[in-house]
PDB file of N, CA and C in Angstrom:
ATOM      1  N   UNK A   1     179.381-187.903-123.163  1.00  0.00           N
ATOM      2  CA  UNK A   1     178.740-187.170-124.219  1.00  0.00           C
ATOM      3  C   UNK A   1     178.511-185.711-123.809  1.00  0.00           C
ATOM      4  N   UNK A   2     178.165-185.504-122.536  1.00  0.00           N
ATOM      5  CA  UNK A   2     177.945-184.138-122.070  1.00  0.00           C
ATOM      6  C   UNK A   2     179.243-183.344-122.131  1.00  0.00           C
ATOM      7  N   UNK A   3     180.343-183.966-121.705  1.00  0.00           N
ATOM      8  CA  UNK A   3     181.635-183.274-121.740  1.00  0.00           C
ATOM      9  C   UNK A   3     182.037-182.958-123.174  1.00  0.00           C
ATOM     10  N   UNK A   4     181.796-183.893-124.078  1.00  0.00           N
ATOM     11  CA  UNK A   4     182.149-183.679-125.481  1.00  0.00           C
ATOM     12  C   UNK A   4     181.332-182.542-126.091  1.00  0.00           C
ATOM     13  N   UNK A   5     180.027-182.529-125.856  1.00  0.00           N
ATOM     14  CA  UNK A   5     179.200-181.458-126.417  1.00  0.00           C
ATOM     15  C   UNK A   5     179.522-180.114-125.762  1.00  0.00           C
ATOM     16  N   UNK A   6     179.886-180.128-124.471  1.00  0.00           N
ATOM     17  CA  UNK A   6     180.278-178.876-123.815  1.00  0.00           C
ATOM     18  C   UNK A   6     181.550-178.309-124.433  1.00  0.00           C
ATOM     19  N   UNK A   7     182.525-179.180-124.671  1.00  0.00           N
ATOM     20  CA  UNK A   7     183.774-178.705-125.287  1.00  0.00           C
ATOM     21  C   UNK A   7     183.535-178.249-126.723  1.00  0.00           C
ATOM     22  N   UNK A   8     182.697-178.954-127.453  1.00  0.00           N
ATOM     23  CA  UNK A   8     182.395-178.566-128.826  1.00  0.00           C
ATOM     24  C   UNK A   8     181.662-177.226-128.866  1.00  0.00           C
ATOM     25  N   UNK A   9     180.717-177.026-127.952  1.00  0.00           N
ATOM     26  CA  UNK A   9     180.008-175.750-127.877  1.00  0.00           C
ATOM     27  C   UNK A   9     180.970-174.615-127.534  1.00  0.00           C
ATOM     28  N   UNK A  10     181.855-174.855-126.570  1.00  0.00           N
ATOM     29  CA  UNK A  10     182.848-173.847-126.218  1.00  0.00           C
ATOM     30  C   UNK A  10     183.756-173.504-127.387  1.00  0.00           C
ATOM     31  N   UNK A  11     184.158-174.511-128.155  1.00  0.00           N
ATOM     32  CA  UNK A  11     185.011-174.284-129.321  1.00  0.00           C
ATOM     33  C   UNK A  11     184.282-173.460-130.376  1.00  0.00           C
ATOM     34  N   UNK A  12     183.025-173.790-130.636  1.00  0.00           N
ATOM     35  CA  UNK A  12     182.242-173.039-131.634  1.00  0.00           C
ATOM     36  C   UNK A  12     182.076-171.588-131.178  1.00  0.00           C
ATOM     37  N   UNK A  13     181.775-171.374-129.896  1.00  0.00           N
ATOM     38  CA  UNK A  13     181.615-170.004-129.403  1.00  0.00           C
ATOM     39  C   UNK A  13     182.932-169.235-129.441  1.00  0.00           C
ATOM     40  N   UNK A  14     184.026-169.923-129.177  1.00  0.00           N
ATOM     41  CA  UNK A  14     185.338-169.289-129.272  1.00  0.00           C
ATOM     42  C   UNK A  14     185.633-168.851-130.705  1.00  0.00           C
ATOM     43  N   UNK A  15     185.325-169.699-131.662  1.00  0.00           N
ATOM     44  CA  UNK A  15     185.535-169.365-133.076  1.00  0.00           C
ATOM     45  C   UNK A  15     184.646-168.200-133.492  1.00  0.00           C
ATOM     46  N   UNK A  16     183.380-168.227-133.050  1.00  0.00           N
ATOM     47  CA  UNK A  16     182.474-167.117-133.374  1.00  0.00           C
ATOM     48  C   UNK A  16     182.987-165.803-132.786  1.00  0.00           C
ATOM     49  N   UNK A  17     183.515-165.835-131.572  1.00  0.00           N
ATOM     50  CA  UNK A  17     184.063-164.629-130.968  1.00  0.00           C
ATOM     51  C   UNK A  17     185.346-164.174-131.652  1.00  0.00           C
ATOM     52  N   UNK A  18     186.158-165.114-132.054  1.00  0.00           N
ATOM     53  CA  UNK A  18     187.420-164.797-132.727  1.00  0.00           C
ATOM     54  C   UNK A  18     187.184-164.036-134.019  1.00  0.00           C
ATOM     55  N   UNK A  19     186.152-164.459-134.765  1.00  0.00           N
ATOM     56  CA  UNK A  19     185.857-163.827-136.056  1.00  0.00           C
ATOM     57  C   UNK A  19     184.825-162.710-135.944  1.00  0.00           C
ATOM     58  N   UNK A  20     184.480-162.309-134.727  1.00  0.00           N
ATOM     59  CA  UNK A  20     183.549-161.195-134.486  1.00  0.00           C
ATOM     60  C   UNK A  20     182.200-161.386-135.178  1.00  0.00           C
ATOM     61  N   UNK A  21     181.680-162.598-135.137  1.00  0.00           N
ATOM     62  CA  UNK A  21     180.393-162.892-135.776  1.00  0.00           C
ATOM     63  C   UNK A  21     179.243-162.332-134.949  1.00  0.00           C
ATOM     64  N   UNK A  22     179.468-162.061-133.659  1.00  0.00           N
ATOM     65  CA  UNK A  22     178.428-161.526-132.796  1.00  0.00           C
ATOM     66  C   UNK A  22     177.909-160.168-133.237  1.00  0.00           C
ATOM     67  N   UNK A  23     178.698-159.443-134.017  1.00  0.00           N
ATOM     68  CA  UNK A  23     178.240-158.146-134.514  1.00  0.00           C
ATOM     69  C   UNK A  23     177.041-158.284-135.451  1.00  0.00           C
ATOM     70  N   UNK A  24     176.865-159.454-136.046  1.00  0.00           N
ATOM     71  CA  UNK A  24     175.724-159.660-136.936  1.00  0.00           C
ATOM     72  C   UNK A  24     174.402-159.674-136.183  1.00  0.00           C
ATOM     73  N   UNK A  25     174.447-159.981-134.902  1.00  0.00           N
ATOM     74  CA  UNK A  25     173.223-160.038-134.104  1.00  0.00           C
ATOM     75  C   UNK A  25     172.566-158.672-134.018  1.00  0.00           C
ATOM     76  N   UNK A  26     173.355-157.620-134.034  1.00  0.00           N
ATOM     77  CA  UNK A  26     172.791-156.271-133.966  1.00  0.00           C
ATOM     78  C   UNK A  26     171.927-155.948-135.170  1.00  0.00           C
ATOM     79  N   UNK A  27     172.097-156.655-136.246  1.00  0.00           N
ATOM     80  CA  UNK A  27     171.329-156.392-137.464  1.00  0.00           C
ATOM     81  C   UNK A  27     169.971-157.093-137.476  1.00  0.00           C
ATOM     82  N   UNK A  28     169.727-157.956-136.493  1.00  0.00           N
ATOM     83  CA  UNK A  28     168.431-158.634-136.414  1.00  0.00           C
ATOM     84  C   UNK A  28     167.377-157.656-135.893  1.00  0.00           C
ATOM     85  N   UNK A  29     166.198-157.627-136.499  1.00  0.00           N
ATOM     86  CA  UNK A  29     165.137-156.731-136.008  1.00  0.00           C
ATOM     87  C   UNK A  29     164.650-157.165-134.618  1.00  0.00           C
ATOM     88  N   UNK A  30     164.249-156.204-133.831  1.00  0.00           N
ATOM     89  CA  UNK A  30     163.776-156.492-132.478  1.00  0.00           C
ATOM     90  C   UNK A  30     162.555-157.407-132.463  1.00  0.00           C
ATOM     91  N   UNK A  31     161.583-157.294-133.387  1.00  0.00           N
ATOM     92  CA  UNK A  31     160.468-158.236-133.368  1.00  0.00           C
ATOM     93  C   UNK A  31     160.898-159.688-133.589  1.00  0.00           C
ATOM     94  N   UNK A  32     161.952-159.896-134.355  1.00  0.00           N
ATOM     95  CA  UNK A  32     162.445-161.263-134.576  1.00  0.00           C
ATOM     96  C   UNK A  32     163.015-161.818-133.276  1.00  0.00           C
ATOM     97  N   UNK A  33     163.803-161.011-132.586  1.00  0.00           N
ATOM     98  CA  UNK A  33     164.380-161.451-131.316  1.00  0.00           C
ATOM     99  C   UNK A  33     163.272-161.664-130.280  1.00  0.00           C
ATOM    100  N   UNK A  34     162.297-160.756-130.241  1.00  0.00           N
ATOM    101  CA  UNK A  34     161.178-160.905-129.307  1.00  0.00           C
ATOM    102  C   UNK A  34     160.365-162.157-129.578  1.00  0.00           C
ATOM    103  N   UNK A  35     160.118-162.442-130.842  1.00  0.00           N
ATOM    104  CA  UNK A  35     159.384-163.658-131.195  1.00  0.00           C
ATOM    105  C   UNK A  35     160.138-164.909-130.816  1.00  0.00           C
ATOM    106  N   UNK A  36     161.441-164.897-131.020  1.00  0.00           N
ATOM    107  CA  UNK A  36     162.259-166.043-130.633  1.00  0.00           C
ATOM    108  C   UNK A  36     162.228-166.249-129.124  1.00  0.00           C
ATOM    109  N   UNK A  37     162.364-165.169-128.370  1.00  0.00           N
ATOM    110  CA  UNK A  37     162.348-165.281-126.913  1.00  0.00           C
ATOM    111  C   UNK A  37     160.979-165.743-126.405  1.00  0.00           C
ATOM    112  N   UNK A  38     159.905-165.215-127.003  1.00  0.00           N
ATOM    113  CA  UNK A  38     158.557-165.616-126.579  1.00  0.00           C
ATOM    114  C   UNK A  38     158.294-167.083-126.889  1.00  0.00           C
ATOM    115  N   UNK A  39     158.700-167.532-128.067  1.00  0.00           N
ATOM    116  CA  UNK A  39     158.461-168.940-128.415  1.00  0.00           C
ATOM    117  C   UNK A  39     159.329-169.863-127.570  1.00  0.00           C
ATOM    118  N   UNK A  40     160.529-169.436-127.236  1.00  0.00           N
ATOM    119  CA  UNK A  40     161.375-170.240-126.342  1.00  0.00           C
ATOM    120  C   UNK A  40     160.732-170.347-124.960  1.00  0.00           C
ATOM    121  N   UNK A  41     160.196-169.237-124.469  1.00  0.00           N
ATOM    122  CA  UNK A  41     159.509-169.254-123.181  1.00  0.00           C
ATOM    123  C   UNK A  41     158.287-170.141-123.193  1.00  0.00           C
ATOM    124  N   UNK A  42     157.528-170.102-124.292  1.00  0.00           N
ATOM    125  CA  UNK A  42     156.343-170.956-124.394  1.00  0.00           C
ATOM    126  C   UNK A  42     156.739-172.433-124.404  1.00  0.00           C
ATOM    127  N   UNK A  43     157.775-172.785-125.144  1.00  0.00           N
ATOM    128  CA  UNK A  43     158.213-174.180-125.184  1.00  0.00           C
ATOM    129  C   UNK A  43     158.690-174.655-123.815  1.00  0.00           C
ATOM    130  N   UNK A  44     159.409-173.812-123.099  1.00  0.00           N
ATOM    131  CA  UNK A  44     159.857-174.177-121.753  1.00  0.00           C
ATOM    132  C   UNK A  44     158.671-174.332-120.797  1.00  0.00           C
ATOM    133  N   UNK A  45     157.706-173.426-120.890  1.00  0.00           N
ATOM    134  CA  UNK A  45     156.530-173.493-120.025  1.00  0.00           C
ATOM    135  C   UNK A  45     155.694-174.729-120.328  1.00  0.00           C
ATOM    136  N   UNK A  46     155.437-174.986-121.608  1.00  0.00           N
ATOM    137  CA  UNK A  46     154.640-176.152-121.984  1.00  0.00           C
ATOM    138  C   UNK A  46     155.348-177.447-121.597  1.00  0.00           C
ATOM    139  N   UNK A  47     156.656-177.491-121.758  1.00  0.00           N
ATOM    140  CA  UNK A  47     157.401-178.685-121.373  1.00  0.00           C
ATOM    141  C   UNK A  47     157.387-178.911-119.872  1.00  0.00           C
ATOM    142  N   UNK A  48     157.558-177.845-119.107  1.00  0.00           N
ATOM    143  CA  UNK A  48     157.527-177.969-117.648  1.00  0.00           C
ATOM    144  C   UNK A  48     156.144-178.392-117.184  1.00  0.00           C
ATOM    145  N   UNK A  49     155.118-177.845-117.799  1.00  0.00           N
ATOM    146  CA  UNK A  49     153.752-178.198-117.435  1.00  0.00           C
ATOM    147  C   UNK A  49     153.482-179.665-117.729  1.00  0.00           C
ATOM    148  N   UNK A  50     153.958-180.147-118.860  1.00  0.00           N
ATOM    149  CA  UNK A  50     153.757-181.554-119.221  1.00  0.00           C
ATOM    150  C   UNK A  50     154.504-182.479-118.260  1.00  0.00           C
ATOM    151  N   UNK A  51     155.678-182.063-117.808  1.00  0.00           N
ATOM    152  CA  UNK A  51     156.421-182.867-116.838  1.00  0.00           C
ATOM    153  C   UNK A  51     155.683-182.904-115.501  1.00  0.00           C
ATOM    154  N   UNK A  52     155.097-181.768-115.092  1.00  0.00           N
ATOM    155  CA  UNK A  52     154.417-181.708-113.798  1.00  0.00           C
ATOM    156  C   UNK A  52     153.163-182.570-113.754  1.00  0.00           C
ATOM    157  N   UNK A  53     152.378-182.571-114.826  1.00  0.00           N
ATOM    158  CA  UNK A  53     151.073-183.240-114.760  1.00  0.00           C
ATOM    159  C   UNK A  53     150.965-184.470-115.652  1.00  0.00           C
ATOM    160  N   UNK A  54     152.004-184.816-116.361  1.00  0.00           N
ATOM    161  CA  UNK A  54     152.005-185.987-117.259  1.00  0.00           C
ATOM    162  C   UNK A  54     150.923-185.913-118.327  1.00  0.00           C
ATOM    163  N   UNK A  55     150.564-184.706-118.728  1.00  0.00           N
ATOM    164  CA  UNK A  55     149.585-184.501-119.791  1.00  0.00           C
ATOM    165  C   UNK A  55     150.048-183.328-120.643  1.00  0.00           C
ATOM    166  N   UNK A  56     149.753-183.369-121.941  1.00  0.00           N
ATOM    167  CA  UNK A  56     150.143-182.216-122.773  1.00  0.00           C
ATOM    168  C   UNK A  56     149.288-180.994-122.451  1.00  0.00           C
ATOM    169  N   UNK A  57     149.856-179.836-122.658  1.00  0.00           N
ATOM    170  CA  UNK A  57     149.157-178.576-122.402  1.00  0.00           C
ATOM    171  C   UNK A  57     148.377-178.194-123.656  1.00  0.00           C
ATOM    172  N   UNK A  58     147.098-178.588-123.688  1.00  0.00           N
ATOM    173  CA  UNK A  58     146.224-178.305-124.825  1.00  0.00           C
ATOM    174  C   UNK A  58     144.869-177.865-124.308  1.00  0.00           C
ATOM    175  N   UNK A  59     144.137-177.167-125.157  1.00  0.00           N
ATOM    176  CA  UNK A  59     142.805-176.665-124.777  1.00  0.00           C
ATOM    177  C   UNK A  59     141.867-177.820-124.412  1.00  0.00           C
ATOM    178  N   UNK A  60     141.953-178.919-125.128  1.00  0.00           N
ATOM    179  CA  UNK A  60     141.069-180.059-124.872  1.00  0.00           C
ATOM    180  C   UNK A  60     141.335-180.693-123.508  1.00  0.00           C
ATOM    181  N   UNK A  61     142.503-180.449-122.928  1.00  0.00           N
ATOM    182  CA  UNK A  61     142.874-181.054-121.652  1.00  0.00           C
ATOM    183  C   UNK A  61     142.438-180.227-120.444  1.00  0.00           C
ATOM    184  N   UNK A  62     141.854-179.051-120.648  1.00  0.00           N
ATOM    185  CA  UNK A  62     141.518-178.162-119.534  1.00  0.00           C
ATOM    186  C   UNK A  62     140.610-178.829-118.497  1.00  0.00           C
ATOM    187  N   UNK A  63     139.543-179.535-118.878  1.00  0.00           N
ATOM    188  CA  UNK A  63     138.730-180.180-117.827  1.00  0.00           C
ATOM    189  C   UNK A  63     139.524-181.196-117.006  1.00  0.00           C
ATOM    190  N   UNK A  64     140.413-181.933-117.649  1.00  0.00           N
ATOM    191  CA  UNK A  64     141.221-182.908-116.909  1.00  0.00           C
ATOM    192  C   UNK A  64     142.226-182.214-116.001  1.00  0.00           C
ATOM    193  N   UNK A  65     142.684-181.037-116.401  1.00  0.00           N
ATOM    194  CA  UNK A  65     143.667-180.311-115.594  1.00  0.00           C
ATOM    195  C   UNK A  65     143.049-179.657-114.367  1.00  0.00           C
ATOM    196  N   UNK A  66     141.736-179.536-114.352  1.00  0.00           N
ATOM    197  CA  UNK A  66     141.043-178.926-113.218  1.00  0.00           C
ATOM    198  C   UNK A  66     140.582-179.947-112.187  1.00  0.00           C
ATOM    199  N   UNK A  67     140.940-181.206-112.381  1.00  0.00           N
ATOM    200  CA  UNK A  67     140.649-182.237-111.383  1.00  0.00           C
ATOM    201  C   UNK A  67     141.561-182.002-110.176  1.00  0.00           C
ATOM    202  N   UNK A  68     141.049-182.186-108.960  1.00  0.00           N
ATOM    203  CA  UNK A  68     141.839-181.849-107.762  1.00  0.00           C
ATOM    204  C   UNK A  68     143.200-182.544-107.679  1.00  0.00           C
ATOM    205  N   UNK A  69     143.281-183.815-108.049  1.00  0.00           N
ATOM    206  CA  UNK A  69     144.565-184.512-107.924  1.00  0.00           C
ATOM    207  C   UNK A  69     145.593-184.014-108.935  1.00  0.00           C
ATOM    208  N   UNK A  70     145.150-183.532-110.085  1.00  0.00           N
ATOM    209  CA  UNK A  70     146.062-182.991-111.091  1.00  0.00           C
ATOM    210  C   UNK A  70     146.343-181.517-110.806  1.00  0.00           C
ATOM    211  N   UNK A  71     145.318-180.809-110.347  1.00  0.00           N
ATOM    212  CA  UNK A  71     145.448-179.374-110.134  1.00  0.00           C
ATOM    213  C   UNK A  71     146.475-179.046-109.049  1.00  0.00           C
ATOM    214  N   UNK A  72     146.571-179.887-108.030  1.00  0.00           N
ATOM    215  CA  UNK A  72     147.529-179.611-106.957  1.00  0.00           C
ATOM    216  C   UNK A  72     148.958-179.642-107.481  1.00  0.00           C
ATOM    217  N   UNK A  73     149.231-180.469-108.489  1.00  0.00           N
ATOM    218  CA  UNK A  73     150.595-180.566-109.020  1.00  0.00           C
ATOM    219  C   UNK A  73     150.988-179.311-109.783  1.00  0.00           C
ATOM    220  N   UNK A  74     150.093-178.802-110.649  1.00  0.00           N
ATOM    221  CA  UNK A  74     150.497-177.622-111.418  1.00  0.00           C
ATOM    222  C   UNK A  74     150.361-176.340-110.621  1.00  0.00           C
ATOM    223  N   UNK A  75     149.505-176.319-109.614  1.00  0.00           N
ATOM    224  CA  UNK A  75     149.413-175.132-108.768  1.00  0.00           C
ATOM    225  C   UNK A  75     150.683-174.989-107.921  1.00  0.00           C
ATOM    226  N   UNK A  76     151.229-176.108-107.445  1.00  0.00           N
ATOM    227  CA  UNK A  76     152.485-176.040-106.703  1.00  0.00           C
ATOM    228  C   UNK A  76     153.615-175.520-107.600  1.00  0.00           C
ATOM    229  N   UNK A  77     153.648-175.952-108.841  1.00  0.00           N
ATOM    230  CA  UNK A  77     154.641-175.435-109.778  1.00  0.00           C
ATOM    231  C   UNK A  77     154.457-173.949-110.034  1.00  0.00           C
ATOM    232  N   UNK A  78     153.212-173.510-110.163  1.00  0.00           N
ATOM    233  CA  UNK A  78     152.914-172.094-110.371  1.00  0.00           C
ATOM    234  C   UNK A  78     153.322-171.260-109.157  1.00  0.00           C
ATOM    235  N   UNK A  79     153.040-171.765-107.967  1.00  0.00           N
ATOM    236  CA  UNK A  79     153.430-171.042-106.754  1.00  0.00           C
ATOM    237  C   UNK A  79     154.951-170.932-106.638  1.00  0.00           C
ATOM    238  N   UNK A  80     155.661-171.987-107.005  1.00  0.00           N
ATOM    239  CA  UNK A  80     157.121-171.946-106.967  1.00  0.00           C
ATOM    240  C   UNK A  80     157.648-170.925-107.983  1.00  0.00           C
ATOM    241  N   UNK A  81     157.047-170.874-109.168  1.00  0.00           N
ATOM    242  CA  UNK A  81     157.470-169.895-110.181  1.00  0.00           C
ATOM    243  C   UNK A  81     157.210-168.473-109.691  1.00  0.00           C
ATOM    244  N   UNK A  82     156.082-168.239-109.049  1.00  0.00           N
ATOM    245  CA  UNK A  82     155.792-166.910-108.503  1.00  0.00           C
ATOM    246  C   UNK A  82     156.757-166.543-107.379  1.00  0.00           C
ATOM    247  N   UNK A  83     157.126-167.529-106.563  1.00  0.00           N
ATOM    248  CA  UNK A  83     158.114-167.287-105.507  1.00  0.00           C
ATOM    249  C   UNK A  83     159.457-166.883-106.111  1.00  0.00           C
ATOM    250  N   UNK A  84     159.889-167.591-107.146  1.00  0.00           N
ATOM    251  CA  UNK A  84     161.143-167.238-107.807  1.00  0.00           C
ATOM    252  C   UNK A  84     161.075-165.843-108.422  1.00  0.00           C
ATOM    253  N   UNK A  85     159.941-165.499-109.018  1.00  0.00           N
ATOM    254  CA  UNK A  85     159.759-164.175-109.590  1.00  0.00           C
ATOM    255  C   UNK A  85     159.816-163.100-108.507  1.00  0.00           C
ATOM    256  N   UNK A  86     159.190-163.362-107.378  1.00  0.00           N
ATOM    257  CA  UNK A  86     159.226-162.423-106.256  1.00  0.00           C
ATOM    258  C   UNK A  86     160.653-162.237-105.761  1.00  0.00           C
ATOM    259  N   UNK A  87     161.398-163.326-105.619  1.00  0.00           N
ATOM    260  CA  UNK A  87     162.790-163.230-105.154  1.00  0.00           C
ATOM    261  C   UNK A  87     163.644-162.452-106.144  1.00  0.00           C
ATOM    262  N   UNK A  88     163.424-162.667-107.422  1.00  0.00           N
ATOM    263  CA  UNK A  88     164.188-161.941-108.439  1.00  0.00           C
ATOM    264  C   UNK A  88     163.850-160.453-108.402  1.00  0.00           C
ATOM    265  N   UNK A  89     162.565-160.125-108.295  1.00  0.00           N
ATOM    266  CA  UNK A  89     162.159-158.722-108.243  1.00  0.00           C
ATOM    267  C   UNK A  89     162.718-158.047-106.991  1.00  0.00           C
ATOM    268  N   UNK A  90     162.706-158.753-105.877  1.00  0.00           N
ATOM    269  CA  UNK A  90     163.243-158.201-104.633  1.00  0.00           C
ATOM    270  C   UNK A  90     164.740-157.951-104.770  1.00  0.00           C
ATOM    271  N   UNK A  91     165.450-158.866-105.386  1.00  0.00           N
ATOM    272  CA  UNK A  91     166.889-158.705-105.590  1.00  0.00           C
ATOM    273  C   UNK A  91     167.178-157.538-106.535  1.00  0.00           C
ATOM    274  N   UNK A  92     166.366-157.386-107.577  1.00  0.00           N
ATOM    275  CA  UNK A  92     166.575-156.276-108.508  1.00  0.00           C
ATOM    276  C   UNK A  92     166.312-154.934-107.837  1.00  0.00           C
ATOM    277  N   UNK A  93     165.326-154.878-106.979  1.00  0.00           N
ATOM    278  CA  UNK A  93     165.028-153.632-106.277  1.00  0.00           C
ATOM    279  C   UNK A  93     166.168-153.268-105.330  1.00  0.00           C
ATOM    280  N   UNK A  94     166.673-154.264-104.582  1.00  0.00           N
ATOM    281  CA  UNK A  94     167.757-153.990-103.633  1.00  0.00           C
ATOM    282  C   UNK A  94     169.062-153.662-104.330  1.00  0.00           C
ATOM    283  N   UNK A  95     169.294-154.231-105.502  1.00  0.00           N
ATOM    284  CA  UNK A  95     170.558-153.958-106.197  1.00  0.00           C
ATOM    285  C   UNK A  95     170.538-152.605-106.902  1.00  0.00           C
ATOM    286  N   UNK A  96     169.362-152.047-107.169  1.00  0.00           N
ATOM    287  CA  UNK A  96     169.301-150.767-107.857  1.00  0.00           C
ATOM    288  C   UNK A  96     169.466-149.589-106.908  1.00  0.00           C
ATOM    289  N   UNK A  97     169.284-149.817-105.601  1.00  0.00           N
ATOM    290  CA  UNK A  97     169.463-148.750-104.608  1.00  0.00           C
ATOM    291  C   UNK A  97     170.712-149.054-103.783  1.00  0.00           C
ATOM    292  N   UNK A  98     171.730-148.220-103.896  1.00  0.00           N
ATOM    293  CA  UNK A  98     172.980-148.492-103.154  1.00  0.00           C
ATOM    294  C   UNK A  98     172.855-148.315-101.670  1.00  0.00           C
TER     295      UNK A  98
END
């Protein structure tokens, strides 16, 4: 199924490129693109958080998330995300100076 959906996605993208449909993206307003990117980021963050602690990310869950056995799981995920961000920033700094 993964191979089939990969080939189908590649075919659709090939057709979109063939007919130059990508030029329509330039007509989208920047706030629309920003909102889409922000909501995608929120969904990825909330999903990752739910996988880490086996609880949904909601305001009512905050006291349960501050319990030591649960907190260690999401703090480790947060530290790993900060490490990745640091590595990316370091790479961007080194690549911008020849």
